[in-house]
């Protein structure tokens, strides 16, 4: 009898100490609301599926839109949201911090490319030296995202400005931007359907989206694709205006290397689940491995403002600025 008693105590000790400091998956439940950039749709779907294998009682509700439009749902429409992930970290810094969020973790990068498929006119001859001439042909149609709704939209404008200088083609940016205005859409992924249907031939689009949709893409020189930090000073010479927070107000956006940002809102309805999701997302062999497979390489950790306000468990994914 005594041996059975000690055996029972010993088993209890191992069970308790073995679980100490760990959050049981069953303790997390409820809805988790995520607003995210359109270019994060496919990788976030995979991340959510992997997360739900650990936390099956969390119902993840994801809503895709242009990053600026997503932020406006929070600031203008007062929509409840736990996590906001933007294709441009500056959207979180400029629109959500400090009123709606305290901090911002920069987590993946991307680059702008020209995307097409086998049905695209002149797809056999387009290259990094003639793409602007191909796009300007009268029988070619191309699409781009709306700069006022989506970072991919204003990044397309910035890339065109940089291309004008790089190729020494005065007026190039204005000529291209004034063509095919009817194929501008609120977010970049809306344009994929137009390409696949044959309505347009080319898209200014993130390379990651092309990889995720198995589309052909033309790589642009690093001097203009907003990918390479080495060219940060060159990128900064390009700028454009987008709609600001108030009617009639304009914000200036300058060129810089593409970096995505993610935050948890101050009034997040399910903060515990949100923190657990970001922990999973930002681990190199879990969420970040899924992101990299989808063409969005990790930049974790990078300096972040308000590092002291990060939840303790997330501080390892950023550096103090």
Protein backbone atom coordinates (compact mmCIF):
# COMPACT_ATOMS: atom_id res chain seq x y z
CA UNK A 1 0.00 0.00 0.00
CA UNK A 2 2.84 2.37 0.93
CA UNK A 3 4.62 1.70 -2.36
CA UNK A 4 1.42 2.54 -4.27
CA UNK A 5 1.12 5.79 -2.33
CA UNK A 6 4.67 6.91 -3.16
CA UNK A 7 4.18 5.88 -6.79
CA UNK A 8 1.07 8.04 -6.99
CA UNK A 9 2.88 11.05 -5.49
CA UNK A 10 5.81 10.57 -7.86
CA UNK A 11 3.55 10.46 -10.94
CA UNK A 12 1.73 13.58 -9.79
CA UNK A 13 5.07 15.39 -9.34
CA UNK A 14 6.19 14.56 -12.89
CA UNK A 15 2.87 15.63 -14.40
CA UNK A 16 2.85 18.97 -12.56
CA UNK A 17 6.52 19.84 -13.12
CA UNK A 18 6.36 18.67 -16.72
CA UNK A 19 3.57 21.16 -17.49
CA UNK A 20 4.89 24.01 -15.37
CA UNK A 21 5.21 27.24 -17.29
CA UNK A 22 3.44 25.90 -20.37
CA UNK A 23 0.09 27.08 -21.60
CA UNK A 24 -2.18 24.16 -22.30
CA UNK A 25 -3.64 24.31 -25.81
CA UNK A 26 -7.11 23.61 -24.39
CA UNK A 27 -6.98 26.86 -22.39
CA UNK A 28 -7.02 28.96 -25.55
CA UNK A 29 -10.36 29.29 -27.25
CA UNK A 30 -12.78 31.76 -28.79
CA UNK A 31 -12.49 33.83 -31.95
CA UNK A 32 -9.23 35.40 -33.12
CA UNK A 33 -9.76 38.28 -35.58
CA UNK A 34 -6.93 39.06 -37.98
CA UNK A 35 -6.91 41.89 -40.54
CA UNK A 36 -4.09 41.43 -43.02
CA UNK A 37 -2.64 42.57 -46.33
CA UNK A 38 -3.85 40.76 -49.43
CA UNK A 39 -0.35 39.45 -50.13
CA UNK A 40 -0.46 37.58 -46.80
CA UNK A 41 -3.63 35.64 -47.65
CA UNK A 42 -2.08 32.35 -48.72
CA UNK A 43 0.77 32.10 -46.19
CA UNK A 44 -1.47 33.20 -43.30
CA UNK A 45 -3.98 30.51 -44.26
CA UNK A 46 -1.22 27.93 -43.92
CA UNK A 47 0.03 29.46 -40.66
CA UNK A 48 -3.52 29.42 -39.24
CA UNK A 49 -3.98 25.75 -40.18
CA UNK A 50 -0.71 24.80 -38.47
CA UNK A 51 -1.60 26.90 -35.41
CA UNK A 52 -4.99 25.20 -35.13
CA UNK A 53 -3.32 21.79 -34.87
CA UNK A 54 -1.95 23.01 -31.53
CA UNK A 55 -4.91 25.19 -30.51
CA UNK A 56 -7.98 23.59 -32.11
CA UNK A 57 -10.45 25.56 -29.98
CA UNK A 58 -9.39 28.93 -31.44
CA UNK A 59 -11.55 29.99 -34.37
CA UNK A 60 -9.43 32.19 -36.62
CA UNK A 61 -11.33 34.82 -38.59
CA UNK A 62 -9.09 36.39 -41.23
CA UNK A 63 -10.03 39.36 -43.37
CA UNK A 64 -7.91 40.42 -46.34
CA UNK A 65 -7.70 43.96 -47.75
CA UNK A 66 -5.12 46.54 -48.72
CA UNK A 67 -3.06 47.42 -45.66
CA UNK A 68 -4.23 51.04 -45.52
CA UNK A 69 -7.84 49.94 -45.97
CA UNK A 70 -7.39 47.36 -43.20
CA UNK A 71 -6.09 50.02 -40.83
CA UNK A 72 -9.05 52.27 -41.70
CA UNK A 73 -11.45 49.51 -40.61
CA UNK A 74 -9.99 49.94 -37.14
CA UNK A 75 -9.65 53.73 -37.02
CA UNK A 76 -12.70 54.83 -39.03
CA UNK A 77 -15.16 51.95 -38.70
CA UNK A 78 -14.25 50.85 -35.14
CA UNK A 79 -14.19 47.22 -36.21
CA UNK A 80 -13.01 44.77 -33.50
CA UNK A 81 -9.62 43.27 -34.33
CA UNK A 82 -6.95 41.29 -32.49
CA UNK A 83 -4.05 41.27 -34.95
CA UNK A 84 -3.21 43.65 -37.79
CA UNK A 85 -0.54 42.59 -40.31
CA UNK A 86 0.49 45.16 -42.93
CA UNK A 87 2.51 44.85 -46.13
CA UNK A 88 4.25 48.07 -45.08
CA UNK A 89 5.22 48.34 -41.41
CA UNK A 90 4.86 52.13 -41.70
CA UNK A 91 1.07 51.74 -42.03
CA UNK A 92 0.98 50.50 -38.43
CA UNK A 93 3.43 53.16 -37.23
CA UNK A 94 1.63 56.03 -38.93
CA UNK A 95 -2.04 55.06 -38.62
CA UNK A 96 -2.41 52.79 -35.58
CA UNK A 97 0.34 53.87 -33.15
CA UNK A 98 -0.13 55.31 -30.53
CA UNK A 99 -3.94 55.43 -30.29
CA UNK A 100 -4.84 51.90 -31.40
CA UNK A 101 -1.60 49.94 -30.89
CA UNK A 102 1.56 50.29 -28.80
CA UNK A 103 4.19 48.46 -30.86
CA UNK A 104 5.04 46.95 -34.23
CA UNK A 105 7.19 43.91 -35.07
CA UNK A 106 8.79 43.89 -38.53
CA UNK A 107 8.85 40.29 -39.68
CA UNK A 108 9.17 39.56 -43.45
CA UNK A 109 10.24 41.24 -46.69
CA UNK A 110 9.28 41.15 -50.36
CA UNK A 111 10.05 42.77 -53.73
CA UNK A 112 8.11 44.27 -56.60
CA UNK A 113 8.04 42.38 -59.90
CA UNK A 114 6.06 42.32 -63.14
CA UNK A 115 3.79 39.28 -63.19
CA UNK A 116 2.31 37.55 -66.23
CA UNK A 117 1.27 34.16 -67.62
CA UNK A 118 1.58 32.19 -70.84
CA UNK A 119 -1.38 34.07 -72.37
CA UNK A 120 0.21 37.50 -71.85
CA UNK A 121 1.03 39.33 -75.07
CA UNK A 122 4.76 39.50 -75.80
CA UNK A 123 5.56 37.28 -72.82
CA UNK A 124 8.34 35.61 -74.83
CA UNK A 125 10.21 38.85 -75.40
CA UNK A 126 9.69 40.95 -72.27
CA UNK A 127 12.83 41.39 -70.15
CA UNK A 128 14.44 43.72 -67.62
CA UNK A 129 15.56 46.11 -70.38
CA UNK A 130 12.34 46.52 -72.38
CA UNK A 131 9.43 45.90 -70.00
CA UNK A 132 8.36 49.56 -69.99
CA UNK A 133 8.18 49.60 -73.79
CA UNK A 134 6.09 46.41 -73.78
CA UNK A 135 3.65 47.84 -71.22
CA UNK A 136 3.16 50.98 -73.32
CA UNK A 137 2.09 49.08 -76.44
CA UNK A 138 -1.51 49.81 -77.44
CA UNK A 139 -2.51 46.14 -77.51
CA UNK A 140 -1.13 45.44 -74.03
CA UNK A 141 -3.12 45.99 -70.82
CA UNK A 142 -1.66 45.98 -67.30
CA UNK A 143 -3.00 46.42 -63.79
CA UNK A 144 -1.79 47.87 -60.52
CA UNK A 145 -3.18 48.39 -57.04
CA UNK A 146 -4.69 51.66 -55.82
CA UNK A 147 -2.01 53.68 -53.97
CA UNK A 148 -4.61 55.03 -51.54
CA UNK A 149 -5.68 51.55 -50.44
CA UNK A 150 -2.67 49.31 -50.77
CA UNK A 151 1.09 49.61 -50.24
CA UNK A 152 1.63 47.60 -53.44
CA UNK A 153 -0.09 50.47 -55.23
CA UNK A 154 2.15 53.24 -53.97
CA UNK A 155 5.19 50.97 -54.22
CA UNK A 156 4.39 50.54 -57.92
CA UNK A 157 4.48 54.33 -58.29
CA UNK A 158 7.79 54.53 -56.42
CA UNK A 159 9.31 51.79 -58.56
CA UNK A 160 8.26 53.63 -61.72
CA UNK A 161 9.89 56.82 -60.46
CA UNK A 162 13.09 54.91 -59.72
CA UNK A 163 12.91 53.22 -63.13
CA UNK A 164 12.70 56.60 -64.85
CA UNK A 165 16.04 57.57 -63.31
CA UNK A 166 17.65 54.14 -63.66
CA UNK A 167 16.84 53.76 -67.36
CA UNK A 168 17.30 57.49 -68.04
CA UNK A 169 13.81 57.81 -69.52
CA UNK A 170 12.38 61.26 -68.58
CA UNK A 171 8.59 61.21 -68.17
CA UNK A 172 8.43 57.39 -68.07
CA UNK A 173 6.59 57.17 -64.75
CA UNK A 174 3.87 59.63 -65.75
CA UNK A 175 3.30 57.94 -69.12
CA UNK A 176 2.89 54.49 -67.63
CA UNK A 177 0.72 55.64 -64.71
CA UNK A 178 -1.67 57.43 -67.07
CA UNK A 179 -2.26 54.25 -69.08
CA UNK A 180 -4.81 51.52 -68.21
CA UNK A 181 -6.24 53.40 -65.21
CA UNK A 182 -9.41 51.33 -65.51
CA UNK A 183 -7.48 48.28 -64.34
CA UNK A 184 -6.54 49.76 -60.96
CA UNK A 185 -7.93 47.74 -58.03
CA UNK A 186 -8.15 48.24 -54.22
CA UNK A 187 -5.62 45.49 -53.48
CA UNK A 188 -3.02 43.70 -55.52
CA UNK A 189 -4.45 40.18 -55.28
CA UNK A 190 -7.70 41.40 -56.93
CA UNK A 191 -5.68 41.74 -60.13
CA UNK A 192 -4.75 38.05 -60.31
CA UNK A 193 -8.24 37.10 -61.48
CA UNK A 194 -8.02 39.69 -64.28
CA UNK A 195 -4.72 38.21 -65.39
CA UNK A 196 -5.97 34.63 -65.29
CA UNK A 197 -9.09 35.56 -67.28
CA UNK A 198 -7.00 37.28 -69.97
CA UNK A 199 -8.45 40.74 -69.27
CA UNK A 200 -4.95 42.07 -68.62
CA UNK A 201 -1.48 40.92 -69.65
CA UNK A 202 0.73 42.11 -66.81
CA UNK A 203 0.53 43.20 -63.16
CA UNK A 204 2.82 45.24 -60.93
CA UNK A 205 2.84 42.72 -58.10
CA UNK A 206 4.83 41.27 -55.23
CA UNK A 207 7.07 38.37 -56.21
CA UNK A 208 5.62 36.36 -53.31
CA UNK A 209 2.10 36.52 -54.79
CA UNK A 210 3.44 35.28 -58.13
CA UNK A 211 5.12 32.35 -56.36
CA UNK A 212 1.98 31.52 -54.37
CA UNK A 213 -0.22 31.55 -57.49
CA UNK A 214 2.39 29.80 -59.66
CA UNK A 215 2.57 32.71 -62.11
CA UNK A 216 5.48 33.86 -64.23
CA UNK A 217 7.30 36.95 -63.07
CA UNK A 218 9.99 39.29 -64.32
CA UNK A 219 12.59 40.27 -61.75
CA UNK A 220 13.44 43.96 -61.79
CA UNK A 221 16.89 45.38 -60.99
CA UNK A 222 17.59 45.75 -57.27
CA UNK A 223 18.07 49.47 -57.86
CA UNK A 224 14.29 49.81 -58.43
CA UNK A 225 12.52 46.76 -56.92
CA UNK A 226 12.50 48.07 -53.31
CA UNK A 227 14.02 44.83 -52.06
CA UNK A 228 17.67 45.45 -51.26
CA UNK A 229 18.63 47.48 -48.12
CA UNK A 230 21.92 48.35 -49.86
CA UNK A 231 19.91 50.73 -52.07
CA UNK A 232 17.90 52.33 -49.26
CA UNK A 233 19.31 55.80 -50.01
CA UNK A 234 18.44 55.44 -53.70
CA UNK A 235 14.90 54.26 -52.87
CA UNK A 236 14.40 57.28 -50.63
CA UNK A 237 14.77 59.63 -53.62
CA UNK A 238 11.31 58.50 -54.81
CA UNK A 239 8.15 59.73 -53.12
CA UNK A 240 4.41 60.01 -53.70
CA UNK A 241 1.30 61.28 -51.92
CA UNK A 242 -1.60 59.18 -50.64
CA UNK A 243 -4.81 60.11 -48.83
CA UNK A 244 -4.28 60.95 -45.17
CA UNK A 245 -6.34 60.43 -42.02
CA UNK A 246 -8.62 63.43 -42.60
CA UNK A 247 -10.52 64.56 -45.71
CA UNK A 248 -8.25 66.61 -47.94
CA UNK A 249 -5.13 65.64 -46.01
CA UNK A 250 -2.24 64.01 -47.86
CA UNK A 251 0.59 61.87 -46.51
CA UNK A 252 3.95 61.60 -48.26
CA UNK A 253 5.34 58.10 -48.77
CA UNK A 254 9.03 57.71 -49.53
CA UNK A 255 10.72 54.71 -51.08
CA UNK A 256 12.37 52.24 -48.73
CA UNK A 257 13.08 48.49 -48.60
CA UNK A 258 9.88 46.42 -48.32
CA UNK A 259 9.26 45.24 -44.78
CA UNK A 260 5.98 43.92 -43.38
CA UNK A 261 4.78 44.68 -39.86
CA UNK A 262 2.43 43.04 -37.36
CA UNK A 263 0.85 44.21 -34.11
CA UNK A 264 -1.82 43.35 -31.54
CA UNK A 265 -4.44 46.03 -31.00
CA UNK A 266 -4.77 47.68 -27.58
CA UNK A 267 -8.40 46.56 -27.25
CA UNK A 268 -7.88 43.11 -28.78
CA UNK A 269 -10.91 40.96 -27.81
CA UNK A 270 -8.77 37.79 -27.49
CA UNK A 271 -5.32 38.98 -26.42
CA UNK A 272 -4.09 35.62 -25.13
CA UNK A 273 -4.83 33.86 -28.42
CA UNK A 274 -3.30 36.79 -30.33
CA UNK A 275 -0.04 36.54 -28.39
CA UNK A 276 0.08 32.77 -28.92
CA UNK A 277 -0.53 33.22 -32.66
CA UNK A 278 2.31 35.73 -32.99
CA UNK A 279 4.61 33.48 -30.99
CA UNK A 280 3.90 30.72 -33.51
CA UNK A 281 4.13 33.05 -36.53
CA UNK A 282 7.50 34.48 -35.54
CA UNK A 283 9.33 31.23 -34.74
CA UNK A 284 11.84 30.44 -37.49
CA UNK A 285 11.01 26.75 -37.94
CA UNK A 286 7.23 27.26 -37.66
CA UNK A 287 5.42 30.35 -38.94
CA UNK A 288 8.45 32.00 -40.53
CA UNK A 289 9.30 28.78 -42.38
CA UNK A 290 5.83 28.90 -43.94
CA UNK A 291 6.31 32.56 -44.85
CA UNK A 292 9.68 31.89 -46.50
CA UNK A 293 8.25 28.98 -48.48
CA UNK A 294 5.69 31.44 -49.84
CA UNK A 295 8.31 33.91 -51.04
CA UNK A 296 8.44 36.20 -48.01
CA UNK A 297 11.81 35.81 -46.26
CA UNK A 298 12.21 36.59 -42.57
CA UNK A 299 13.84 39.78 -41.28
CA UNK A 300 13.38 38.85 -37.60
CA UNK A 301 14.73 40.39 -35.43
CA UNK A 302 14.83 44.06 -36.43
CA UNK A 303 14.77 47.18 -34.23
CA UNK A 304 11.29 48.35 -33.28
CA UNK A 305 9.96 51.46 -31.63
CA UNK A 306 8.30 51.02 -28.23
CA UNK A 307 10.19 47.74 -27.63
CA UNK A 308 9.57 48.15 -23.88
CA UNK A 309 5.82 47.87 -24.50
CA UNK A 310 6.06 44.49 -26.22
CA UNK A 311 4.65 41.50 -24.32
CA UNK A 312 7.59 39.76 -22.63
CA UNK A 313 7.20 36.60 -24.70
CA UNK A 314 7.48 38.62 -27.94
CA UNK A 315 10.53 40.73 -27.07
CA UNK A 316 12.93 38.11 -28.44
CA UNK A 317 11.49 38.70 -31.93
CA UNK A 318 12.59 42.34 -32.06
CA UNK A 319 15.47 44.58 -31.07
CA UNK A 320 15.39 47.70 -28.96
CA UNK A 321 15.61 50.78 -31.16
